[in-house]
PDB file of all heavy atoms in Angstrom:
ATOM      1  N   ILE A   1      91.674 111.353  79.143  1.00  0.00           N
ATOM      2  CA  ILE A   1      90.889 111.307  80.382  1.00  0.00           C
ATOM      3  C   ILE A   1      89.923 110.128  80.355  1.00  0.00           C
ATOM      4  O   ILE A   1      89.793 109.373  81.328  1.00  0.00           O
ATOM      5  CB  ILE A   1      90.127 112.632  80.581  1.00  0.00           C
ATOM      6  CG1 ILE A   1      91.102 113.786  80.827  1.00  0.00           C
ATOM      7  CG2 ILE A   1      89.139 112.521  81.744  1.00  0.00           C
ATOM      8  CD1 ILE A   1      90.449 115.150  80.797  1.00  0.00           C
ATOM      9  N   VAL A   2      89.226 109.955  79.235  1.00  0.00           N
ATOM     10  CA  VAL A   2      88.240 108.878  79.127  1.00  0.00           C
ATOM     11  C   VAL A   2      88.911 107.519  79.259  1.00  0.00           C
ATOM     12  O   VAL A   2      88.405 106.623  79.957  1.00  0.00           O
ATOM     13  CB  VAL A   2      87.474 108.994  77.792  1.00  0.00           C
ATOM     14  CG1 VAL A   2      86.622 107.747  77.548  1.00  0.00           C
ATOM     15  CG2 VAL A   2      86.589 110.240  77.796  1.00  0.00           C
ATOM     16  N   ALA A   3      90.049 107.333  78.614  1.00  0.00           N
ATOM     17  CA  ALA A   3      90.742 106.041  78.681  1.00  0.00           C
ATOM     18  C   ALA A   3      91.135 105.696  80.114  1.00  0.00           C
ATOM     19  O   ALA A   3      90.977 104.558  80.568  1.00  0.00           O
ATOM     20  CB  ALA A   3      91.968 106.057  77.771  1.00  0.00           C
ATOM     21  N   ALA A   4      91.640 106.689  80.857  1.00  0.00           N
ATOM     22  CA  ALA A   4      92.017 106.435  82.245  1.00  0.00           C
ATOM     23  C   ALA A   4      90.796 106.171  83.118  1.00  0.00           C
ATOM     24  O   ALA A   4      90.837 105.326  84.020  1.00  0.00           O
ATOM     25  CB  ALA A   4      92.805 107.630  82.787  1.00  0.00           C
ATOM     26  N   TRP A   5      89.723 106.857  82.827  1.00  0.00           N
ATOM     27  CA  TRP A   5      88.486 106.725  83.611  1.00  0.00           C
ATOM     28  C   TRP A   5      87.859 105.345  83.439  1.00  0.00           C
ATOM     29  O   TRP A   5      87.500 104.686  84.423  1.00  0.00           O
ATOM     30  CB  TRP A   5      87.542 107.836  83.186  1.00  0.00           C
ATOM     31  CG  TRP A   5      86.144 107.790  83.682  1.00  0.00           C
ATOM     32  CD1 TRP A   5      85.711 107.701  84.977  1.00  0.00           C
ATOM     33  CD2 TRP A   5      84.968 107.865  82.875  1.00  0.00           C
ATOM     34  NE1 TRP A   5      84.337 107.726  85.034  1.00  0.00           N
ATOM     35  CE2 TRP A   5      83.859 107.828  83.760  1.00  0.00           C
ATOM     36  CE3 TRP A   5      84.733 107.980  81.506  1.00  0.00           C
ATOM     37  CZ2 TRP A   5      82.540 107.891  83.293  1.00  0.00           C
ATOM     38  CZ3 TRP A   5      83.436 108.061  81.047  1.00  0.00           C
ATOM     39  CH2 TRP A   5      82.354 107.996  81.939  1.00  0.00           C
ATOM     40  N   VAL A   6      87.720 104.878  82.204  1.00  0.00           N
ATOM     41  CA  VAL A   6      87.071 103.586  81.990  1.00  0.00           C
ATOM     42  C   VAL A   6      87.955 102.431  82.457  1.00  0.00           C
ATOM     43  O   VAL A   6      87.459 101.328  82.722  1.00  0.00           O
ATOM     44  CB  VAL A   6      86.658 103.385  80.518  1.00  0.00           C
ATOM     45  CG1 VAL A   6      85.676 104.442  80.075  1.00  0.00           C
ATOM     46  CG2 VAL A   6      87.868 103.373  79.596  1.00  0.00           C
ATOM     47  N   ALA A   7      89.267 102.666  82.592  1.00  0.00           N
ATOM     48  CA  ALA A   7      90.161 101.625  83.093  1.00  0.00           C
ATOM     49  C   ALA A   7      90.178 101.560  84.613  1.00  0.00           C
ATOM     50  O   ALA A   7      90.665 100.578  85.180  1.00  0.00           O
ATOM     51  CB  ALA A   7      91.586 101.869  82.576  1.00  0.00           C
ATOM     52  N   ALA A   8      89.665 102.590  85.263  1.00  0.00           N
ATOM     53  CA  ALA A   8      89.668 102.628  86.727  1.00  0.00           C
ATOM     54  C   ALA A   8      88.577 101.716  87.283  1.00  0.00           C
ATOM     55  O   ALA A   8      87.573 101.442  86.619  1.00  0.00           O
ATOM     56  CB  ALA A   8      89.454 104.055  87.217  1.00  0.00           C
ATOM     57  N   PRO A   9      88.739 101.205  88.511  1.00  0.00           N
ATOM     58  CA  PRO A   9      87.708 100.351  89.117  1.00  0.00           C
ATOM     59  C   PRO A   9      86.390 101.109  89.263  1.00  0.00           C
ATOM     60  O   PRO A   9      86.391 102.319  89.518  1.00  0.00           O
ATOM     61  CB  PRO A   9      88.295  99.999  90.491  1.00  0.00           C
ATOM     62  CG  PRO A   9      89.764 100.251  90.370  1.00  0.00           C
ATOM     63  CD  PRO A   9      89.915 101.365  89.398  1.00  0.00           C
ATOM     64  N   PRO A  10      85.266 100.422  89.123  1.00  0.00           N
ATOM     65  CA  PRO A  10      83.963 101.085  89.279  1.00  0.00           C
ATOM     66  C   PRO A  10      83.703 101.412  90.747  1.00  0.00           C
ATOM     67  O   PRO A  10      84.316 100.819  91.642  1.00  0.00           O
ATOM     68  CB  PRO A  10      82.974 100.044  88.754  1.00  0.00           C
ATOM     69  CG  PRO A  10      83.659  98.732  88.972  1.00  0.00           C
ATOM     70  CD  PRO A  10      85.124  99.000  88.765  1.00  0.00           C
ATOM     71  N   PRO A  11      82.805 102.347  91.012  1.00  0.00           N
ATOM     72  CA  PRO A  11      82.508 102.705  92.403  1.00  0.00           C
ATOM     73  C   PRO A  11      81.610 101.671  93.069  1.00  0.00           C
ATOM     74  O   PRO A  11      80.961 100.855  92.401  1.00  0.00           O
ATOM     75  CB  PRO A  11      81.783 104.046  92.267  1.00  0.00           C
ATOM     76  CG  PRO A  11      81.098 103.945  90.941  1.00  0.00           C
ATOM     77  CD  PRO A  11      82.034 103.161  90.057  1.00  0.00           C
ATOM     78  N   ALA A  12      81.576 101.703  94.390  1.00  0.00           N
ATOM     79  CA  ALA A  12      80.645 100.866  95.142  1.00  0.00           C
ATOM     80  C   ALA A  12      79.261 101.521  95.123  1.00  0.00           C
ATOM     81  O   ALA A  12      79.134 102.718  94.864  1.00  0.00           O
ATOM     82  CB  ALA A  12      81.131 100.698  96.582  1.00  0.00           C
ATOM     83  N   PRO A  13      78.216 100.753  95.392  1.00  0.00           N
ATOM     84  CA  PRO A  13      76.868 101.336  95.420  1.00  0.00           C
ATOM     85  C   PRO A  13      76.745 102.360  96.540  1.00  0.00           C
ATOM     86  O   PRO A  13      77.471 102.312  97.532  1.00  0.00           O
ATOM     87  CB  PRO A  13      75.957 100.131  95.670  1.00  0.00           C
ATOM     88  CG  PRO A  13      76.770  98.937  95.321  1.00  0.00           C
ATOM     89  CD  PRO A  13      78.186  99.300  95.607  1.00  0.00           C
ATOM     90  N   PRO A  14      75.830 103.318  96.387  1.00  0.00           N
ATOM     91  CA  PRO A  14      75.599 104.263  97.480  1.00  0.00           C
ATOM     92  C   PRO A  14      74.992 103.540  98.672  1.00  0.00           C
ATOM     93  O   PRO A  14      74.422 102.448  98.540  1.00  0.00           O
ATOM     94  CB  PRO A  14      74.616 105.273  96.886  1.00  0.00           C
ATOM     95  CG  PRO A  14      73.911 104.523  95.802  1.00  0.00           C
ATOM     96  CD  PRO A  14      74.926 103.560  95.252  1.00  0.00           C
ATOM     97  N   THR A  15      75.121 104.127  99.852  1.00  0.00           N
ATOM     98  CA  THR A  15      74.593 103.499 101.049  1.00  0.00           C
ATOM     99  C   THR A  15      73.824 104.512 101.857  1.00  0.00           C
ATOM    100  O   THR A  15      74.144 105.698 101.864  1.00  0.00           O
ATOM    101  CB  THR A  15      75.719 102.903 101.904  1.00  0.00           C
ATOM    102  OG1 THR A  15      75.169 102.364 103.100  1.00  0.00           O
ATOM    103  CG2 THR A  15      76.740 103.966 102.290  1.00  0.00           C
ATOM    104  N   THR A  16      72.794 104.047 102.545  1.00  0.00           N
ATOM    105  CA  THR A  16      72.036 104.903 103.449  1.00  0.00           C
ATOM    106  C   THR A  16      72.459 104.678 104.889  1.00  0.00           C
ATOM    107  O   THR A  16      71.908 105.283 105.803  1.00  0.00           O
ATOM    108  CB  THR A  16      70.526 104.618 103.322  1.00  0.00           C
ATOM    109  OG1 THR A  16      70.283 103.222 103.582  1.00  0.00           O
ATOM    110  CG2 THR A  16      70.035 104.944 101.919  1.00  0.00           C
ATOM    111  N   ASP A  17      73.431 103.791 105.105  1.00  0.00           N
ATOM    112  CA  ASP A  17      73.892 103.473 106.455  1.00  0.00           C
ATOM    113  C   ASP A  17      75.412 103.564 106.486  1.00  0.00           C
ATOM    114  O   ASP A  17      76.100 102.551 106.434  1.00  0.00           O
ATOM    115  CB  ASP A  17      73.423 102.071 106.866  1.00  0.00           C
ATOM    116  CG  ASP A  17      73.784 101.747 108.320  1.00  0.00           C
ATOM    117  OD1 ASP A  17      74.072 102.696 109.071  1.00  0.00           O
ATOM    118  OD2 ASP A  17      73.785 100.561 108.679  1.00  0.00           O
ATOM    119  N   PRO A  18      75.954 104.797 106.533  1.00  0.00           N
ATOM    120  CA  PRO A  18      77.404 104.931 106.455  1.00  0.00           C
ATOM    121  C   PRO A  18      78.138 104.555 107.729  1.00  0.00           C
ATOM    122  O   PRO A  18      79.355 104.444 107.727  1.00  0.00           O
ATOM    123  CB  PRO A  18      77.589 106.429 106.175  1.00  0.00           C
ATOM    124  CG  PRO A  18      76.401 107.064 106.810  1.00  0.00           C
ATOM    125  CD  PRO A  18      75.270 106.087 106.631  1.00  0.00           C
ATOM    126  N   LEU A  19      77.411 104.359 108.851  1.00  0.00           N
ATOM    127  CA  LEU A  19      78.069 104.026 110.105  1.00  0.00           C
ATOM    128  C   LEU A  19      78.407 102.546 110.158  1.00  0.00           C
ATOM    129  O   LEU A  19      77.691 101.713 109.575  1.00  0.00           O
ATOM    130  CB  LEU A  19      77.166 104.389 111.282  1.00  0.00           C
ATOM    131  CG  LEU A  19      76.850 105.881 111.435  1.00  0.00           C
ATOM    132  CD1 LEU A  19      75.850 106.081 112.560  1.00  0.00           C
ATOM    133  CD2 LEU A  19      78.124 106.660 111.705  1.00  0.00           C
ATOM    134  N   PRO A  20      79.467 102.156 110.847  1.00  0.00           N
ATOM    135  CA  PRO A  20      79.798 100.727 110.965  1.00  0.00           C
ATOM    136  C   PRO A  20      78.724  99.989 111.753  1.00  0.00           C
ATOM    137  O   PRO A  20      78.013 100.579 112.581  1.00  0.00           O
ATOM    138  CB  PRO A  20      81.137 100.740 111.710  1.00  0.00           C
ATOM    139  CG  PRO A  20      81.186 102.060 112.407  1.00  0.00           C
ATOM    140  CD  PRO A  20      80.450 103.019 111.521  1.00  0.00           C
ATOM    141  N   ALA A  21      78.602  98.707 111.477  1.00  0.00           N
ATOM    142  CA  ALA A  21      77.601  97.884 112.165  1.00  0.00           C
ATOM    143  C   ALA A  21      77.929  97.784 113.647  1.00  0.00           C
ATOM    144  O   ALA A  21      79.105  97.769 114.033  1.00  0.00           O
ATOM    145  CB  ALA A  21      77.541  96.501 111.532  1.00  0.00           C
ATOM    146  N   PRO A  22      76.912  97.696 114.515  1.00  0.00           N
ATOM    147  CA  PRO A  22      77.169  97.534 115.957  1.00  0.00           C
ATOM    148  C   PRO A  22      77.967  96.264 116.224  1.00  0.00           C
ATOM    149  O   PRO A  22      77.820  95.249 115.543  1.00  0.00           O
ATOM    150  CB  PRO A  22      75.756  97.460 116.551  1.00  0.00           C
ATOM    151  CG  PRO A  22      74.872  98.105 115.545  1.00  0.00           C
ATOM    152  CD  PRO A  22      75.485  97.801 114.212  1.00  0.00           C
ATOM    153  N   THR A  23      78.814  96.310 117.252  1.00  0.00           N
ATOM    154  CA  THR A  23      79.603  95.152 117.626  1.00  0.00           C
ATOM    155  C   THR A  23      78.974  94.480 118.831  1.00  0.00           C
ATOM    156  O   THR A  23      78.031  94.988 119.448  1.00  0.00           O
ATOM    157  CB  THR A  23      81.037  95.570 117.969  1.00  0.00           C
ATOM    158  OG1 THR A  23      81.012  96.383 119.148  1.00  0.00           O
ATOM    159  CG2 THR A  23      81.653  96.373 116.831  1.00  0.00           C
ATOM    160  N   SER A  24      79.531  93.341 119.195  1.00  0.00           N
ATOM    161  CA  SER A  24      79.009  92.605 120.346  1.00  0.00           C
ATOM    162  C   SER A  24      79.266  93.339 121.656  1.00  0.00           C
ATOM    163  O   SER A  24      78.677  93.035 122.688  1.00  0.00           O
ATOM    164  CB  SER A  24      79.647  91.213 120.406  1.00  0.00           C
ATOM    165  OG  SER A  24      81.072  91.336 120.494  1.00  0.00           O
ATOM    166  N   ASP A  25      80.170  94.326 121.628  1.00  0.00           N
ATOM    167  CA  ASP A  25      80.489  95.079 122.841  1.00  0.00           C
ATOM    168  C   ASP A  25      79.469  96.168 123.141  1.00  0.00           C
ATOM    169  O   ASP A  25      79.551  96.834 124.164  1.00  0.00           O
ATOM    170  CB  ASP A  25      81.872  95.717 122.720  1.00  0.00           C
ATOM    171  CG  ASP A  25      82.964  94.662 122.628  1.00  0.00           C
ATOM    172  OD1 ASP A  25      82.753  93.562 123.157  1.00  0.00           O
ATOM    173  OD2 ASP A  25      83.995  94.946 121.994  1.00  0.00           O
ATOM    174  N   GLY A  26      78.529  96.379 122.236  1.00  0.00           N
ATOM    175  CA  GLY A  26      77.519  97.399 122.480  1.00  0.00           C
ATOM    176  C   GLY A  26      77.292  98.245 121.253  1.00  0.00           C
ATOM    177  O   GLY A  26      77.955  98.068 120.221  1.00  0.00           O
ATOM    178  N   PRO A  27      76.356  99.166 121.329  1.00  0.00           N
ATOM    179  CA  PRO A  27      76.037 100.003 120.174  1.00  0.00           C
ATOM    180  C   PRO A  27      77.171 100.963 119.849  1.00  0.00           C
ATOM    181  O   PRO A  27      77.994 101.293 120.702  1.00  0.00           O
ATOM    182  CB  PRO A  27      74.788 100.757 120.625  1.00  0.00           C
ATOM    183  CG  PRO A  27      74.877 100.782 122.126  1.00  0.00           C
ATOM    184  CD  PRO A  27      75.519  99.466 122.498  1.00  0.00           C
ATOM    185  N   VAL A  28      77.214 101.402 118.574  1.00  0.00           N
ATOM    186  CA  VAL A  28      78.228 102.333 118.131  1.00  0.00           C
ATOM    187  C   VAL A  28      77.882 103.727 118.627  1.00  0.00           C
ATOM    188  O   VAL A  28      76.751 104.179 118.475  1.00  0.00           O
ATOM    189  CB  VAL A  28      78.324 102.332 116.590  1.00  0.00           C
ATOM    190  CG1 VAL A  28      79.310 103.386 116.115  1.00  0.00           C
ATOM    191  CG2 VAL A  28      78.717 100.952 116.097  1.00  0.00           C
ATOM    192  N   PRO A  29      78.826 104.447 119.262  1.00  0.00           N
ATOM    193  CA  PRO A  29      78.529 105.798 119.721  1.00  0.00           C
ATOM    194  C   PRO A  29      78.209 106.724 118.558  1.00  0.00           C
ATOM    195  O   PRO A  29      78.798 106.623 117.482  1.00  0.00           O
ATOM    196  CB  PRO A  29      79.833 106.240 120.407  1.00  0.00           C
ATOM    197  CG  PRO A  29      80.564 104.981 120.700  1.00  0.00           C
ATOM    198  CD  PRO A  29      80.185 104.014 119.623  1.00  0.00           C
ATOM    199  N   THR A  30      77.254 107.616 118.734  1.00  0.00           N
ATOM    200  CA  THR A  30      76.909 108.644 117.757  1.00  0.00           C
ATOM    201  C   THR A  30      76.794 109.963 118.485  1.00  0.00           C
ATOM    202  O   THR A  30      76.913 110.037 119.711  1.00  0.00           O
ATOM    203  CB  THR A  30      75.582 108.323 117.043  1.00  0.00           C
ATOM    204  OG1 THR A  30      74.525 108.331 118.010  1.00  0.00           O
ATOM    205  CG2 THR A  30      75.641 106.969 116.355  1.00  0.00           C
ATOM    206  N   ALA A  31      76.510 111.037 117.715  1.00  0.00           N
ATOM    207  CA  ALA A  31      76.428 112.360 118.325  1.00  0.00           C
ATOM    208  C   ALA A  31      75.329 112.435 119.371  1.00  0.00           C
ATOM    209  O   ALA A  31      75.453 113.111 120.392  1.00  0.00           O
ATOM    210  CB  ALA A  31      76.204 113.410 117.238  1.00  0.00           C
ATOM    211  N   ASP A  32      74.199 111.729 119.111  1.00  0.00           N
ATOM    212  CA  ASP A  32      73.096 111.780 120.082  1.00  0.00           C
ATOM    213  C   ASP A  32      73.108 110.577 121.025  1.00  0.00           C
ATOM    214  O   ASP A  32      72.198 110.398 121.820  1.00  0.00           O
ATOM    215  CB  ASP A  32      71.752 111.863 119.347  1.00  0.00           C
ATOM    216  CG  ASP A  32      71.538 110.688 118.416  1.00  0.00           C
ATOM    217  OD1 ASP A  32      72.496 109.899 118.220  1.00  0.00           O
ATOM    218  OD2 ASP A  32      70.435 110.579 117.862  1.00  0.00           O
TER     219      ASP A  32
END
């Protein structure tokens, strides 16, 4: 398990903004 784990790609950093960036067509729709 350890050998397979250390050979796997590392994770990306955590993010506080999981939504995609707004586009030029307007803001990204959300629940509110």
